[in-house]
Amino acid sequence: MSQSVGAASRFRASAGLSPPRRGGRAPAKNKQGLDEEAMEEIKEAFNLFDTEGKGDIDVRELKAAFRALGFQVKKAEIRQMFVDMDKDLASATVTFDQFVEMVTPKMQNRDSREEIMKVFSLFDDDNTGAISFRNLKRVAAELGENLTDEELQEMIDEADRDGDGLINEEEFYRVMRKRENPLDEIDSDDDF
């Protein structure tokens, strides 16, 4: 394992995010690519507005169900979702499966961006819009991580794409989104 791979893993761990999986069983995902927790959240939001248990909600309830999941959708966006599904807006009802289809892209994006930006703000306690060496050292100390200054600097160097010595939101997001492909973490072909 190269030092940069170790630094990336420590960086993700200090952010409170799980390391990329390297085998074993991944969390079960349904055909839409959502895990059980996300599906349960969607089901709860749908059922909140399907008060009669008919298995469908109307367009007004649809907008409220999106809001219950934390999404602000405009009427035009809902109209477009109906068009994309070849569904007549005049029918004015949506089944659970259709709701899942409509909300899945938003759920997939929410988990990535919003959650990662919340973690970023925990690092950026001085609200500069970037994570400095001092910010990273503070978080490592708070988490009880015994990292040397060199290891902390290596973590910053790995994430810092623009060379300013700081980790901005986009750089942080990129590091946190690294996935299961081990080749994603190899900086160059020098190791081969």
C-alpha atoms as a PDB file:
ATOM      1  CA  MET A   1       0.000   0.000   0.000  1.00  0.00           C
ATOM      2  CA  SER A   2       1.430   3.353  -0.945  1.00  0.00           C
ATOM      3  CA  GLN A   3       1.588   6.216   1.522  1.00  0.00           C
ATOM      4  CA  SER A   4      -0.993   8.225  -0.399  1.00  0.00           C
ATOM      5  CA  VAL A   5      -3.514   5.396  -0.214  1.00  0.00           C
ATOM      6  CA  GLY A   6      -2.995   5.274   3.537  1.00  0.00           C
ATOM      7  CA  ALA A   7      -3.390   9.028   3.764  1.00  0.00           C
ATOM      8  CA  ALA A   8      -6.640   8.933   1.805  1.00  0.00           C
ATOM      9  CA  SER A   9      -7.998   6.251   4.091  1.00  0.00           C
ATOM     10  CA  ARG A  10      -7.034   8.234   7.186  1.00  0.00           C
ATOM     11  CA  PHE A  11      -8.554  11.374   5.663  1.00  0.00           C
ATOM     12  CA  ARG A  12     -11.864   9.611   5.033  1.00  0.00           C
ATOM     13  CA  ALA A  13     -11.772   8.049   8.495  1.00  0.00           C
ATOM     14  CA  SER A  14     -11.095  11.386  10.179  1.00  0.00           C
ATOM     15  CA  ALA A  15     -14.087  12.793   8.294  1.00  0.00           C
ATOM     16  CA  GLY A  16     -16.265  10.093   9.771  1.00  0.00           C
ATOM     17  CA  LEU A  17     -16.860   8.370   6.433  1.00  0.00           C
ATOM     18  CA  SER A  18     -16.362   4.699   5.759  1.00  0.00           C
ATOM     19  CA  PRO A  19     -13.378   3.601   3.747  1.00  0.00           C
ATOM     20  CA  PRO A  20     -13.987   2.313   0.250  1.00  0.00           C
ATOM     21  CA  ARG A  21     -14.927  -1.347   0.259  1.00  0.00           C
ATOM     22  CA  ARG A  22     -12.322  -3.811  -0.967  1.00  0.00           C
ATOM     23  CA  GLY A  23     -14.385  -6.968  -1.093  1.00  0.00           C
ATOM     24  CA  GLY A  24     -16.864  -8.649   1.141  1.00  0.00           C
ATOM     25  CA  ARG A  25     -20.529  -7.794   0.897  1.00  0.00           C
ATOM     26  CA  ALA A  26     -21.525  -4.270   0.072  1.00  0.00           C
ATOM     27  CA  PRO A  27     -24.705  -2.891   1.633  1.00  0.00           C
ATOM     28  CA  ALA A  28     -27.694  -4.324  -0.196  1.00  0.00           C
ATOM     29  CA  LYS A  29     -28.894  -2.021  -2.944  1.00  0.00           C
ATOM     30  CA  ASN A  30     -32.105  -2.284  -4.875  1.00  0.00           C
ATOM     31  CA  LYS A  31     -32.440  -2.017  -8.609  1.00  0.00           C
ATOM     32  CA  GLN A  32     -32.510   1.794  -8.353  1.00  0.00           C
ATOM     33  CA  GLY A  33     -29.121   1.797  -6.597  1.00  0.00           C
ATOM     34  CA  LEU A  34     -30.479   2.909  -3.226  1.00  0.00           C
ATOM     35  CA  ASP A  35     -29.669   1.136   0.024  1.00  0.00           C
ATOM     36  CA  GLU A  36     -32.270  -0.149   2.465  1.00  0.00           C
ATOM     37  CA  GLU A  37     -32.086   2.960   4.641  1.00  0.00           C
ATOM     38  CA  ALA A  38     -32.822   5.286   1.707  1.00  0.00           C
ATOM     39  CA  MET A  39     -35.673   3.066   0.543  1.00  0.00           C
ATOM     40  CA  GLU A  40     -37.160   3.076   4.042  1.00  0.00           C
ATOM     41  CA  GLU A  41     -36.954   6.875   4.136  1.00  0.00           C
ATOM     42  CA  ILE A  42     -38.729   7.080   0.761  1.00  0.00           C
ATOM     43  CA  LYS A  43     -41.401   4.626   1.895  1.00  0.00           C
ATOM     44  CA  GLU A  44     -42.035   6.630   5.079  1.00  0.00           C
ATOM     45  CA  ALA A  45     -42.411   9.868   3.103  1.00  0.00           C
ATOM     46  CA  PHE A  46     -44.799   8.196   0.649  1.00  0.00           C
ATOM     47  CA  ASN A  47     -46.885   6.581   3.385  1.00  0.00           C
ATOM     48  CA  LEU A  48     -47.123   9.880   5.232  1.00  0.00           C
ATOM     49  CA  PHE A  49     -49.239  11.183   2.352  1.00  0.00           C
ATOM     50  CA  ASP A  50     -50.914   7.926   1.305  1.00  0.00           C
ATOM     51  CA  THR A  51     -53.164   8.236   4.343  1.00  0.00           C
ATOM     52  CA  GLU A  52     -55.891   5.995   2.928  1.00  0.00           C
ATOM     53  CA  GLY A  53     -53.402   3.249   2.056  1.00  0.00           C
ATOM     54  CA  LYS A  54     -54.493   3.182  -1.609  1.00  0.00           C
ATOM     55  CA  GLY A  55     -50.924   2.892  -2.866  1.00  0.00           C
ATOM     56  CA  ASP A  56     -50.875   6.228  -4.634  1.00  0.00           C
ATOM     57  CA  ILE A  57     -50.641   9.939  -3.892  1.00  0.00           C
ATOM     58  CA  ASP A  58     -51.869  12.916  -5.860  1.00  0.00           C
ATOM     59  CA  VAL A  59     -49.737  15.672  -7.358  1.00  0.00           C
ATOM     60  CA  ARG A  60     -50.188  18.034  -4.375  1.00  0.00           C
ATOM     61  CA  GLU A  61     -49.171  15.249  -2.010  1.00  0.00           C
ATOM     62  CA  LEU A  62     -46.251  14.437  -4.296  1.00  0.00           C
ATOM     63  CA  LYS A  63     -44.754  17.883  -3.798  1.00  0.00           C
ATOM     64  CA  ALA A  64     -45.208  17.564  -0.028  1.00  0.00           C
ATOM     65  CA  ALA A  65     -43.615  14.091  -0.046  1.00  0.00           C
ATOM     66  CA  PHE A  66     -40.560  15.541  -1.794  1.00  0.00           C
ATOM     67  CA  ARG A  67     -40.452  18.258   0.869  1.00  0.00           C
ATOM     68  CA  ALA A  68     -40.646  15.612   3.600  1.00  0.00           C
ATOM     69  CA  LEU A  69     -37.467  14.119   2.144  1.00  0.00           C
ATOM     70  CA  GLY A  70     -35.801  17.541   2.202  1.00  0.00           C
ATOM     71  CA  PHE A  71     -36.199  18.439  -1.482  1.00  0.00           C
ATOM     72  CA  GLN A  72     -37.789  21.633  -2.753  1.00  0.00           C
ATOM     73  CA  VAL A  73     -39.307  20.885  -6.145  1.00  0.00           C
ATOM     74  CA  LYS A  74     -41.046  23.339  -8.404  1.00  0.00           C
ATOM     75  CA  LYS A  75     -44.214  22.617 -10.376  1.00  0.00           C
ATOM     76  CA  ALA A  76     -42.247  22.727 -13.618  1.00  0.00           C
ATOM     77  CA  GLU A  77     -39.872  20.060 -12.293  1.00  0.00           C
ATOM     78  CA  ILE A  78     -42.794  17.810 -11.345  1.00  0.00           C
ATOM     79  CA  ARG A  79     -44.336  18.342 -14.796  1.00  0.00           C
ATOM     80  CA  GLN A  80     -41.021  17.308 -16.359  1.00  0.00           C
ATOM     81  CA  MET A  81     -40.883  14.173 -14.198  1.00  0.00           C
ATOM     82  CA  PHE A  82     -44.342  13.230 -15.483  1.00  0.00           C
ATOM     83  CA  VAL A  83     -43.216  13.824 -19.073  1.00  0.00           C
ATOM     84  CA  ASP A  84     -40.054  11.746 -18.509  1.00  0.00           C
ATOM     85  CA  MET A  85     -42.197   8.880 -17.218  1.00  0.00           C
ATOM     86  CA  ASP A  86     -44.681   9.199 -20.118  1.00  0.00           C
ATOM     87  CA  LYS A  87     -47.344   9.821 -17.509  1.00  0.00           C
ATOM     88  CA  ASP A  88     -50.321  12.094 -18.043  1.00  0.00           C
ATOM     89  CA  LEU A  89     -50.393  14.903 -15.498  1.00  0.00           C
ATOM     90  CA  ALA A  90     -54.196  14.800 -15.722  1.00  0.00           C
ATOM     91  CA  SER A  91     -54.180  11.362 -14.050  1.00  0.00           C
ATOM     92  CA  ALA A  92     -52.776  13.265 -11.076  1.00  0.00           C
ATOM     93  CA  THR A  93     -51.697  10.221  -9.049  1.00  0.00           C
ATOM     94  CA  VAL A  94     -48.358   8.534  -8.520  1.00  0.00           C
ATOM     95  CA  THR A  95     -47.797   4.978  -7.280  1.00  0.00           C
ATOM     96  CA  PHE A  96     -45.040   4.120  -4.833  1.00  0.00           C
ATOM     97  CA  ASP A  97     -42.879   2.618  -7.608  1.00  0.00           C
ATOM     98  CA  GLN A  98     -43.303   5.779  -9.677  1.00  0.00           C
ATOM     99  CA  PHE A  99     -42.422   7.905  -6.655  1.00  0.00           C
ATOM    100  CA  VAL A 100     -39.263   5.840  -6.144  1.00  0.00           C
ATOM    101  CA  GLU A 101     -38.366   6.387  -9.803  1.00  0.00           C
ATOM    102  CA  MET A 102     -38.892  10.145  -9.432  1.00  0.00           C
ATOM    103  CA  VAL A 103     -37.009  10.590  -6.180  1.00  0.00           C
ATOM    104  CA  THR A 104     -34.072   8.222  -6.784  1.00  0.00           C
ATOM    105  CA  PRO A 105     -31.828  10.692  -8.672  1.00  0.00           C
ATOM    106  CA  LYS A 106     -32.354  13.293  -5.954  1.00  0.00           C
ATOM    107  CA  MET A 107     -31.605  10.778  -3.187  1.00  0.00           C
ATOM    108  CA  GLN A 108     -28.404   9.645  -4.890  1.00  0.00           C
ATOM    109  CA  ASN A 109     -27.184  13.232  -5.258  1.00  0.00           C
ATOM    110  CA  ARG A 110     -28.259  14.299  -1.782  1.00  0.00           C
ATOM    111  CA  ASP A 111     -26.297  11.649   0.005  1.00  0.00           C
ATOM    112  CA  SER A 112     -23.165  12.518  -1.791  1.00  0.00           C
ATOM    113  CA  ARG A 113     -23.064  16.284  -1.855  1.00  0.00           C
ATOM    114  CA  GLU A 114     -25.053  17.436   1.174  1.00  0.00           C
ATOM    115  CA  GLU A 115     -23.610  14.963   3.639  1.00  0.00           C
ATOM    116  CA  ILE A 116     -20.064  15.525   2.494  1.00  0.00           C
ATOM    117  CA  MET A 117     -20.481  19.308   2.728  1.00  0.00           C
ATOM    118  CA  LYS A 118     -21.759  18.933   6.303  1.00  0.00           C
ATOM    119  CA  VAL A 119     -18.564  17.069   7.150  1.00  0.00           C
ATOM    120  CA  PHE A 120     -16.522  19.746   5.342  1.00  0.00           C
ATOM    121  CA  SER A 121     -18.028  22.425   7.580  1.00  0.00           C
ATOM    122  CA  LEU A 122     -16.924  20.485  10.656  1.00  0.00           C
ATOM    123  CA  PHE A 123     -13.348  20.711   9.433  1.00  0.00           C
ATOM    124  CA  ASP A 124     -13.666  24.352   8.315  1.00  0.00           C
ATOM    125  CA  ASP A 125     -14.399  25.743  11.793  1.00  0.00           C
ATOM    126  CA  ASP A 126     -12.973  29.166  10.894  1.00  0.00           C
ATOM    127  CA  ASN A 127     -15.385  29.451   7.914  1.00  0.00           C
ATOM    128  CA  THR A 128     -12.718  30.263   5.329  1.00  0.00           C
ATOM    129  CA  GLY A 129     -14.172  27.923   2.720  1.00  0.00           C
ATOM    130  CA  ALA A 130     -11.073  25.728   2.908  1.00  0.00           C
ATOM    131  CA  ILE A 131      -9.452  23.186   5.199  1.00  0.00           C
ATOM    132  CA  SER A 132      -6.026  24.279   6.361  1.00  0.00           C
ATOM    133  CA  PHE A 133      -3.280  22.271   8.014  1.00  0.00           C
ATOM    134  CA  ARG A 134      -4.428  23.753  11.343  1.00  0.00           C
ATOM    135  CA  ASN A 135      -8.051  22.632  10.714  1.00  0.00           C
ATOM    136  CA  LEU A 136      -6.951  19.106   9.861  1.00  0.00           C
ATOM    137  CA  LYS A 137      -4.632  18.908  12.880  1.00  0.00           C
ATOM    138  CA  ARG A 138      -7.467  20.057  15.180  1.00  0.00           C
ATOM    139  CA  VAL A 139      -9.884  17.412  13.848  1.00  0.00           C
ATOM    140  CA  ALA A 140      -7.249  14.680  14.115  1.00  0.00           C
ATOM    141  CA  ALA A 141      -6.588  15.666  17.742  1.00  0.00           C
ATOM    142  CA  GLU A 142     -10.322  15.792  18.543  1.00  0.00           C
ATOM    143  CA  LEU A 143     -10.731  12.290  17.136  1.00  0.00           C
ATOM    144  CA  GLY A 144      -7.715  11.001  19.067  1.00  0.00           C
ATOM    145  CA  GLU A 145      -5.749  10.287  15.895  1.00  0.00           C
ATOM    146  CA  ASN A 146      -2.009  10.320  16.517  1.00  0.00           C
ATOM    147  CA  LEU A 147      -0.858  11.560  13.138  1.00  0.00           C
ATOM    148  CA  THR A 148       2.452  13.256  12.577  1.00  0.00           C
ATOM    149  CA  ASP A 149       2.655  16.660  10.935  1.00  0.00           C
ATOM    150  CA  GLU A 150       4.155  14.921   7.924  1.00  0.00           C
ATOM    151  CA  GLU A 151       1.173  12.549   7.642  1.00  0.00           C
ATOM    152  CA  LEU A 152      -1.274  15.446   7.955  1.00  0.00           C
ATOM    153  CA  GLN A 153       0.607  17.413   5.297  1.00  0.00           C
ATOM    154  CA  GLU A 154       0.590  14.350   3.047  1.00  0.00           C
ATOM    155  CA  MET A 155      -3.190  14.185   3.377  1.00  0.00           C
ATOM    156  CA  ILE A 156      -3.473  17.829   2.356  1.00  0.00           C
ATOM    157  CA  ASP A 157      -1.018  17.408  -0.507  1.00  0.00           C
ATOM    158  CA  GLU A 158      -2.965  14.434  -1.849  1.00  0.00           C
ATOM    159  CA  ALA A 159      -6.279  16.299  -1.861  1.00  0.00           C
ATOM    160  CA  ASP A 160      -4.948  19.728  -2.920  1.00  0.00           C
ATOM    161  CA  ARG A 161      -5.420  19.789  -6.696  1.00  0.00           C
ATOM    162  CA  ASP A 162      -4.831  23.511  -7.240  1.00  0.00           C
ATOM    163  CA  GLY A 163      -1.605  23.663  -5.214  1.00  0.00           C
ATOM    164  CA  ASP A 164      -2.665  26.414  -2.803  1.00  0.00           C
ATOM    165  CA  GLY A 165      -1.880  24.340   0.303  1.00  0.00           C
ATOM    166  CA  LEU A 166      -5.542  24.212   1.308  1.00  0.00           C
ATOM    167  CA  ILE A 167      -8.400  21.826   0.608  1.00  0.00           C
ATOM    168  CA  ASN A 168     -11.409  23.628  -0.862  1.00  0.00           C
ATOM    169  CA  GLU A 169     -14.935  22.196  -1.020  1.00  0.00           C
ATOM    170  CA  GLU A 170     -14.494  20.655  -4.469  1.00  0.00           C
ATOM    171  CA  GLU A 171     -11.193  19.008  -3.523  1.00  0.00           C
ATOM    172  CA  PHE A 172     -12.722  17.667  -0.306  1.00  0.00           C
ATOM    173  CA  TYR A 173     -15.758  16.370  -2.202  1.00  0.00           C
ATOM    174  CA  ARG A 174     -13.515  14.621  -4.719  1.00  0.00           C
ATOM    175  CA  VAL A 175     -11.536  12.823  -1.995  1.00  0.00           C
ATOM    176  CA  MET A 176     -14.673  11.790  -0.153  1.00  0.00           C
ATOM    177  CA  ARG A 177     -16.320  10.430  -3.311  1.00  0.00           C
ATOM    178  CA  LYS A 178     -13.481   8.066  -4.138  1.00  0.00           C
ATOM    179  CA  ARG A 179     -15.064   4.709  -4.656  1.00  0.00           C
ATOM    180  CA  GLU A 180     -14.304   1.052  -4.605  1.00  0.00           C
ATOM    181  CA  ASN A 181     -12.024   0.973  -7.619  1.00  0.00           C
ATOM    182  CA  PRO A 182      -8.481   0.578  -6.248  1.00  0.00           C
ATOM    183  CA  LEU A 183      -7.093   2.211  -9.395  1.00  0.00           C
ATOM    184  CA  ASP A 184      -8.809   5.474  -8.341  1.00  0.00           C
ATOM    185  CA  GLU A 185      -6.272   5.864  -5.556  1.00  0.00           C
ATOM    186  CA  ILE A 186      -3.130   5.332  -7.607  1.00  0.00           C
ATOM    187  CA  ASP A 187      -1.529   8.685  -8.405  1.00  0.00           C
ATOM    188  CA  SER A 188       0.634   7.425 -11.228  1.00  0.00           C
ATOM    189  CA  ASP A 189       1.922   4.347 -12.970  1.00  0.00           C
ATOM    190  CA  ASP A 190       5.228   4.542 -11.053  1.00  0.00           C
ATOM    191  CA  ASP A 191       4.175   1.677  -8.781  1.00  0.00           C
ATOM    192  CA  PHE A 192       3.914  -0.788 -11.680  1.00  0.00           C
END
